[in-house]
Amino acid sequence: MSLEQHRASGPVDDTGDEVPEPSDEERAARARVRRSATGMCHHEARSALATARKAARGGSPTGRDAVVARAEAEEWERVTGTLADHAGPYDPADDPFVQGEQDARDGPASVAPRAQTLPRQR
């Protein structure tokens, strides 16, 4: 496609600001990683990340298996990065990313009760 043809078809926004919603399989894979990572220190998570990366590459998984393997490796990478910034074991309750996901899933209804407990200002 020439540049002129591209322009004629209208503006294209390929910045990709929107992140696609993860599939149920990806969510389940991330949840498994978080359960496995709970209580691990950085060096343990780093070892699990290496194993997950090897599994994602080894045998070149396809289809659903590839999606799950990639999601697991990505989550191990995120958890390992989180642990690199703090000393101590991993706990999803202390993970800002996990808490942000939970707040997003709960939606505005979870914010309203907190707002009601704030003292009134005069």
N, C-alpha and C. Protein backbone atom coordinates (compact mmCIF):
# COMPACT_ATOMS: atom_id res chain seq x y z
N MET A 1 0.85 -1.17 0.00
CA MET A 1 0.00 0.00 0.00
C MET A 1 0.90 1.23 0.00
N SER A 2 0.64 2.14 -0.92
CA SER A 2 1.45 3.35 -0.99
C SER A 2 1.02 4.32 0.11
N LEU A 3 1.85 5.32 0.33
CA LEU A 3 1.56 6.32 1.33
C LEU A 3 0.25 7.04 0.99
N GLU A 4 0.04 7.35 -0.30
CA GLU A 4 -1.18 8.03 -0.71
C GLU A 4 -2.41 7.17 -0.44
N GLN A 5 -2.33 5.89 -0.71
CA GLN A 5 -3.46 5.01 -0.43
C GLN A 5 -3.73 4.97 1.06
N HIS A 6 -2.68 4.96 1.86
CA HIS A 6 -2.84 4.93 3.31
C HIS A 6 -3.55 6.20 3.79
N ARG A 7 -3.14 7.36 3.26
CA ARG A 7 -3.77 8.62 3.63
C ARG A 7 -5.22 8.66 3.19
N ALA A 8 -5.50 8.11 2.03
CA ALA A 8 -6.87 8.15 1.52
C ALA A 8 -7.82 7.33 2.38
N SER A 9 -7.30 6.34 3.08
CA SER A 9 -8.18 5.51 3.89
C SER A 9 -8.52 6.15 5.22
N GLY A 10 -7.94 7.30 5.51
CA GLY A 10 -8.25 8.00 6.74
C GLY A 10 -7.14 7.83 7.77
N PRO A 11 -7.26 8.59 8.84
CA PRO A 11 -6.20 8.53 9.86
C PRO A 11 -6.20 7.16 10.56
N VAL A 12 -5.01 6.73 10.87
CA VAL A 12 -4.84 5.46 11.55
C VAL A 12 -4.13 5.72 12.86
N ASP A 13 -4.73 5.28 13.94
CA ASP A 13 -4.11 5.42 15.25
C ASP A 13 -3.53 4.07 15.64
N ASP A 14 -2.23 3.94 15.45
CA ASP A 14 -1.60 2.67 15.79
C ASP A 14 -0.74 2.79 17.05
N THR A 15 -1.06 3.78 17.90
CA THR A 15 -0.29 3.93 19.13
C THR A 15 -0.65 2.85 20.14
N GLY A 16 -1.82 2.27 20.00
CA GLY A 16 -2.19 1.16 20.85
C GLY A 16 -2.30 1.51 22.32
N ASP A 17 -2.99 2.59 22.64
CA ASP A 17 -3.16 2.99 24.03
C ASP A 17 -3.96 1.96 24.83
N GLU A 18 -4.87 1.29 24.16
CA GLU A 18 -5.69 0.31 24.86
C GLU A 18 -4.98 -1.03 24.95
N VAL A 19 -5.01 -1.58 26.14
CA VAL A 19 -4.41 -2.89 26.36
C VAL A 19 -5.53 -3.91 26.25
N PRO A 20 -5.33 -4.94 25.44
CA PRO A 20 -6.39 -5.93 25.29
C PRO A 20 -6.66 -6.64 26.62
N GLU A 21 -7.90 -6.92 26.86
CA GLU A 21 -8.31 -7.62 28.08
C GLU A 21 -7.74 -9.04 28.04
N PRO A 22 -7.10 -9.48 29.14
CA PRO A 22 -6.55 -10.84 29.14
C PRO A 22 -7.67 -11.89 29.09
N SER A 23 -7.35 -13.01 28.49
CA SER A 23 -8.31 -14.12 28.42
C SER A 23 -8.43 -14.79 29.78
N ASP A 24 -9.42 -15.65 29.92
CA ASP A 24 -9.59 -16.40 31.17
C ASP A 24 -8.37 -17.27 31.44
N GLU A 25 -7.80 -17.85 30.37
CA GLU A 25 -6.62 -18.69 30.53
C GLU A 25 -5.43 -17.88 31.04
N GLU A 26 -5.28 -16.66 30.52
CA GLU A 26 -4.18 -15.80 30.96
C GLU A 26 -4.38 -15.38 32.42
N ARG A 27 -5.60 -15.03 32.78
CA ARG A 27 -5.88 -14.68 34.18
C ARG A 27 -5.57 -15.85 35.11
N ALA A 28 -5.98 -17.05 34.71
CA ALA A 28 -5.73 -18.23 35.53
C ALA A 28 -4.23 -18.49 35.65
N ALA A 29 -3.49 -18.32 34.56
CA ALA A 29 -2.04 -18.52 34.59
C ALA A 29 -1.38 -17.54 35.55
N ARG A 30 -1.79 -16.28 35.49
CA ARG A 30 -1.23 -15.26 36.38
C ARG A 30 -1.57 -15.56 37.83
N ALA A 31 -2.79 -16.00 38.08
CA ALA A 31 -3.19 -16.35 39.44
C ALA A 31 -2.36 -17.52 39.98
N ARG A 32 -2.09 -18.51 39.12
CA ARG A 32 -1.24 -19.64 39.54
C ARG A 32 0.15 -19.17 39.91
N VAL A 33 0.70 -18.27 39.11
CA VAL A 33 2.03 -17.75 39.39
C VAL A 33 2.02 -17.01 40.72
N ARG A 34 1.02 -16.19 40.96
CA ARG A 34 0.96 -15.42 42.21
C ARG A 34 0.85 -16.34 43.42
N ARG A 35 0.04 -17.41 43.28
CA ARG A 35 -0.05 -18.38 44.39
C ARG A 35 1.30 -19.06 44.62
N SER A 36 1.95 -19.45 43.53
CA SER A 36 3.26 -20.11 43.65
C SER A 36 4.31 -19.16 44.22
N ALA A 37 4.24 -17.90 43.85
CA ALA A 37 5.24 -16.92 44.26
C ALA A 37 5.07 -16.47 45.71
N THR A 38 3.89 -16.65 46.25
CA THR A 38 3.63 -16.19 47.62
C THR A 38 4.64 -16.82 48.58
N GLY A 39 5.35 -15.96 49.28
CA GLY A 39 6.36 -16.41 50.24
C GLY A 39 7.76 -16.52 49.66
N MET A 40 7.89 -16.41 48.34
CA MET A 40 9.22 -16.51 47.71
C MET A 40 9.99 -15.21 47.86
N CYS A 41 11.30 -15.36 47.94
CA CYS A 41 12.20 -14.21 47.89
C CYS A 41 12.65 -14.03 46.44
N HIS A 42 13.38 -12.95 46.20
CA HIS A 42 13.77 -12.59 44.84
C HIS A 42 14.51 -13.71 44.12
N HIS A 43 15.49 -14.32 44.77
CA HIS A 43 16.29 -15.34 44.08
C HIS A 43 15.44 -16.56 43.72
N GLU A 44 14.43 -16.88 44.53
CA GLU A 44 13.54 -18.00 44.21
C GLU A 44 12.65 -17.67 43.02
N ALA A 45 12.13 -16.45 43.00
CA ALA A 45 11.29 -16.02 41.89
C ALA A 45 12.11 -15.94 40.60
N ARG A 46 13.34 -15.51 40.71
CA ARG A 46 14.21 -15.43 39.53
C ARG A 46 14.45 -16.82 38.95
N SER A 47 14.61 -17.81 39.81
CA SER A 47 14.78 -19.20 39.36
C SER A 47 13.51 -19.69 38.67
N ALA A 48 12.35 -19.38 39.26
CA ALA A 48 11.07 -19.78 38.66
C ALA A 48 10.87 -19.07 37.31
N LEU A 49 11.31 -17.83 37.20
CA LEU A 49 11.23 -17.10 35.93
C LEU A 49 12.05 -17.80 34.85
N ALA A 50 13.25 -18.22 35.20
CA ALA A 50 14.09 -18.92 34.23
C ALA A 50 13.42 -20.21 33.75
N THR A 51 12.80 -20.92 34.67
CA THR A 51 12.09 -22.15 34.31
C THR A 51 10.90 -21.84 33.40
N ALA A 52 10.16 -20.79 33.73
CA ALA A 52 8.99 -20.41 32.92
C ALA A 52 9.41 -19.98 31.52
N ARG A 53 10.50 -19.24 31.43
CA ARG A 53 11.00 -18.81 30.11
C ARG A 53 11.39 -20.02 29.27
N LYS A 54 12.06 -20.98 29.92
CA LYS A 54 12.48 -22.19 29.22
C LYS A 54 11.26 -22.96 28.72
N ALA A 55 10.23 -23.05 29.56
CA ALA A 55 8.99 -23.75 29.17
C ALA A 55 8.29 -23.04 28.02
N ALA A 56 8.33 -21.72 28.02
CA ALA A 56 7.67 -20.95 26.96
C ALA A 56 8.39 -21.11 25.62
N ARG A 57 9.72 -21.31 25.68
CA ARG A 57 10.49 -21.48 24.45
C ARG A 57 10.61 -22.94 24.04
N GLY A 58 10.76 -23.81 25.01
CA GLY A 58 11.01 -25.22 24.72
C GLY A 58 9.82 -25.89 24.05
N GLY A 59 10.10 -26.58 22.97
CA GLY A 59 9.03 -27.27 22.26
C GLY A 59 8.13 -26.34 21.49
N SER A 60 8.42 -25.05 21.52
CA SER A 60 7.62 -24.05 20.82
C SER A 60 6.12 -24.31 20.96
N PRO A 61 5.57 -24.04 22.15
CA PRO A 61 4.14 -24.27 22.34
C PRO A 61 3.32 -23.44 21.35
N THR A 62 2.16 -23.95 21.00
CA THR A 62 1.29 -23.26 20.06
C THR A 62 -0.10 -23.11 20.65
N GLY A 63 -0.89 -22.25 20.06
CA GLY A 63 -2.27 -22.06 20.46
C GLY A 63 -2.40 -21.66 21.92
N ARG A 64 -3.34 -22.31 22.59
CA ARG A 64 -3.64 -22.01 24.00
C ARG A 64 -2.42 -22.22 24.88
N ASP A 65 -1.65 -23.27 24.62
CA ASP A 65 -0.46 -23.55 25.43
C ASP A 65 0.54 -22.41 25.34
N ALA A 66 0.69 -21.81 24.17
CA ALA A 66 1.61 -20.70 23.99
C ALA A 66 1.14 -19.48 24.77
N VAL A 67 -0.16 -19.22 24.75
CA VAL A 67 -0.72 -18.07 25.46
C VAL A 67 -0.50 -18.24 26.96
N VAL A 68 -0.76 -19.44 27.47
CA VAL A 68 -0.60 -19.71 28.89
C VAL A 68 0.88 -19.61 29.29
N ALA A 69 1.76 -20.22 28.52
CA ALA A 69 3.19 -20.19 28.83
C ALA A 69 3.73 -18.76 28.82
N ARG A 70 3.28 -17.96 27.84
CA ARG A 70 3.72 -16.57 27.77
C ARG A 70 3.20 -15.77 28.96
N ALA A 71 1.94 -15.98 29.32
CA ALA A 71 1.36 -15.26 30.46
C ALA A 71 2.09 -15.62 31.76
N GLU A 72 2.42 -16.89 31.92
CA GLU A 72 3.15 -17.31 33.13
C GLU A 72 4.53 -16.67 33.17
N ALA A 73 5.25 -16.70 32.06
CA ALA A 73 6.58 -16.10 32.02
C ALA A 73 6.51 -14.59 32.28
N GLU A 74 5.54 -13.93 31.68
CA GLU A 74 5.39 -12.48 31.89
C GLU A 74 5.08 -12.16 33.34
N GLU A 75 4.24 -12.98 33.97
CA GLU A 75 3.89 -12.72 35.37
C GLU A 75 5.07 -13.00 36.29
N TRP A 76 5.85 -14.06 36.00
CA TRP A 76 7.05 -14.32 36.79
C TRP A 76 8.02 -13.15 36.65
N GLU A 77 8.11 -12.61 35.44
CA GLU A 77 9.00 -11.47 35.22
C GLU A 77 8.54 -10.26 36.04
N ARG A 78 7.24 -10.01 36.05
CA ARG A 78 6.71 -8.87 36.82
C ARG A 78 6.93 -9.08 38.31
N VAL A 79 6.66 -10.29 38.81
CA VAL A 79 6.84 -10.58 40.23
C VAL A 79 8.31 -10.44 40.61
N THR A 80 9.20 -10.95 39.76
CA THR A 80 10.64 -10.84 40.03
C THR A 80 11.06 -9.38 40.09
N GLY A 81 10.53 -8.57 39.19
CA GLY A 81 10.82 -7.14 39.22
C GLY A 81 10.30 -6.47 40.47
N THR A 82 9.13 -6.88 40.91
CA THR A 82 8.55 -6.34 42.14
C THR A 82 9.44 -6.68 43.34
N LEU A 83 9.91 -7.92 43.39
CA LEU A 83 10.74 -8.35 44.50
C LEU A 83 12.12 -7.70 44.48
N ALA A 84 12.58 -7.28 43.32
CA ALA A 84 13.89 -6.64 43.23
C ALA A 84 13.88 -5.29 43.95
N ASP A 85 12.68 -4.71 44.08
CA ASP A 85 12.57 -3.39 44.69
C ASP A 85 12.29 -3.42 46.19
N HIS A 86 12.08 -4.59 46.75
CA HIS A 86 11.85 -4.63 48.20
C HIS A 86 12.41 -5.92 48.79
N ALA A 87 12.85 -5.80 50.02
CA ALA A 87 13.45 -6.96 50.69
C ALA A 87 12.35 -7.70 51.43
N GLY A 88 12.20 -8.94 51.12
CA GLY A 88 11.20 -9.75 51.79
C GLY A 88 10.47 -10.62 50.81
N PRO A 89 9.63 -11.48 51.33
CA PRO A 89 8.91 -12.42 50.46
C PRO A 89 7.76 -11.75 49.71
N TYR A 90 7.37 -12.37 48.62
CA TYR A 90 6.27 -11.87 47.80
C TYR A 90 4.94 -12.15 48.49
N ASP A 91 4.08 -11.16 48.45
CA ASP A 91 2.72 -11.29 48.99
C ASP A 91 1.80 -10.50 48.06
N PRO A 92 0.84 -11.17 47.40
CA PRO A 92 -0.06 -10.44 46.50
C PRO A 92 -0.80 -9.30 47.20
N ALA A 93 -1.02 -9.41 48.49
CA ALA A 93 -1.71 -8.35 49.22
C ALA A 93 -0.88 -7.07 49.28
N ASP A 94 0.44 -7.19 49.12
CA ASP A 94 1.32 -6.03 49.13
C ASP A 94 1.75 -5.59 47.74
N ASP A 95 1.25 -6.25 46.71
CA ASP A 95 1.64 -5.98 45.32
C ASP A 95 0.74 -4.89 44.75
N PRO A 96 1.28 -3.69 44.49
CA PRO A 96 0.44 -2.60 43.99
C PRO A 96 -0.27 -2.94 42.68
N PHE A 97 0.37 -3.72 41.80
CA PHE A 97 -0.26 -4.09 40.54
C PHE A 97 -1.49 -4.96 40.79
N VAL A 98 -1.35 -5.93 41.66
CA VAL A 98 -2.47 -6.83 41.98
C VAL A 98 -3.59 -6.04 42.64
N GLN A 99 -3.25 -5.13 43.55
CA GLN A 99 -4.27 -4.32 44.21
C GLN A 99 -4.97 -3.40 43.22
N GLY A 100 -4.22 -2.85 42.27
CA GLY A 100 -4.83 -2.02 41.23
C GLY A 100 -5.79 -2.81 40.37
N GLU A 101 -5.41 -4.05 40.02
CA GLU A 101 -6.31 -4.92 39.26
C GLU A 101 -7.59 -5.17 40.03
N GLN A 102 -7.44 -5.45 41.33
CA GLN A 102 -8.61 -5.73 42.17
C GLN A 102 -9.54 -4.52 42.23
N ASP A 103 -8.96 -3.34 42.42
CA ASP A 103 -9.78 -2.12 42.45
C ASP A 103 -10.50 -1.90 41.13
N ALA A 104 -9.81 -2.17 40.02
CA ALA A 104 -10.43 -2.00 38.71
C ALA A 104 -11.58 -2.99 38.51
N ARG A 105 -11.40 -4.22 38.97
CA ARG A 105 -12.47 -5.22 38.85
C ARG A 105 -13.66 -4.86 39.73
N ASP A 106 -13.37 -4.34 40.92
CA ASP A 106 -14.44 -3.99 41.84
C ASP A 106 -15.23 -2.78 41.36
N GLY A 107 -14.56 -1.90 40.63
CA GLY A 107 -15.22 -0.74 40.04
C GLY A 107 -15.58 0.31 41.06
N PRO A 108 -16.42 1.26 40.66
CA PRO A 108 -16.79 2.39 41.53
C PRO A 108 -17.50 1.96 42.81
N ALA A 109 -18.17 0.84 42.80
CA ALA A 109 -18.89 0.40 44.00
C ALA A 109 -17.94 0.20 45.17
N SER A 110 -16.69 -0.20 44.91
CA SER A 110 -15.75 -0.43 46.00
C SER A 110 -15.22 0.88 46.56
N VAL A 111 -15.29 1.96 45.80
CA VAL A 111 -14.80 3.24 46.25
C VAL A 111 -15.84 3.95 47.10
N ALA A 112 -17.10 3.79 46.80
CA ALA A 112 -18.16 4.49 47.50
C ALA A 112 -18.15 4.23 49.01
N PRO A 113 -18.06 3.00 49.48
CA PRO A 113 -18.06 2.79 50.93
C PRO A 113 -16.88 3.48 51.61
N ARG A 114 -15.73 3.52 50.97
CA ARG A 114 -14.57 4.19 51.55
C ARG A 114 -14.83 5.69 51.65
N ALA A 115 -15.46 6.26 50.63
CA ALA A 115 -15.74 7.68 50.63
C ALA A 115 -16.72 8.05 51.74
N GLN A 116 -17.63 7.17 52.05
CA GLN A 116 -18.61 7.44 53.10
C GLN A 116 -17.98 7.45 54.48
N THR A 117 -16.85 6.82 54.65
CA THR A 117 -16.22 6.76 55.96
C THR A 117 -15.33 7.98 56.23
N LEU A 118 -15.14 8.82 55.21
CA LEU A 118 -14.31 10.00 55.41
C LEU A 118 -15.06 11.02 56.26
N PRO A 119 -14.35 11.73 57.14
CA PRO A 119 -15.02 12.74 57.96
C PRO A 119 -15.49 13.91 57.10
N ARG A 120 -16.57 14.51 57.51
CA ARG A 120 -17.09 15.67 56.78
C ARG A 120 -16.24 16.88 57.06
N GLN A 121 -16.03 17.65 56.01
CA GLN A 121 -15.28 18.90 56.17
C GLN A 121 -16.27 20.04 56.22
N ARG A 122 -15.98 20.99 57.05
CA ARG A 122 -16.89 22.15 57.18
C ARG A 122 -16.29 23.37 56.60
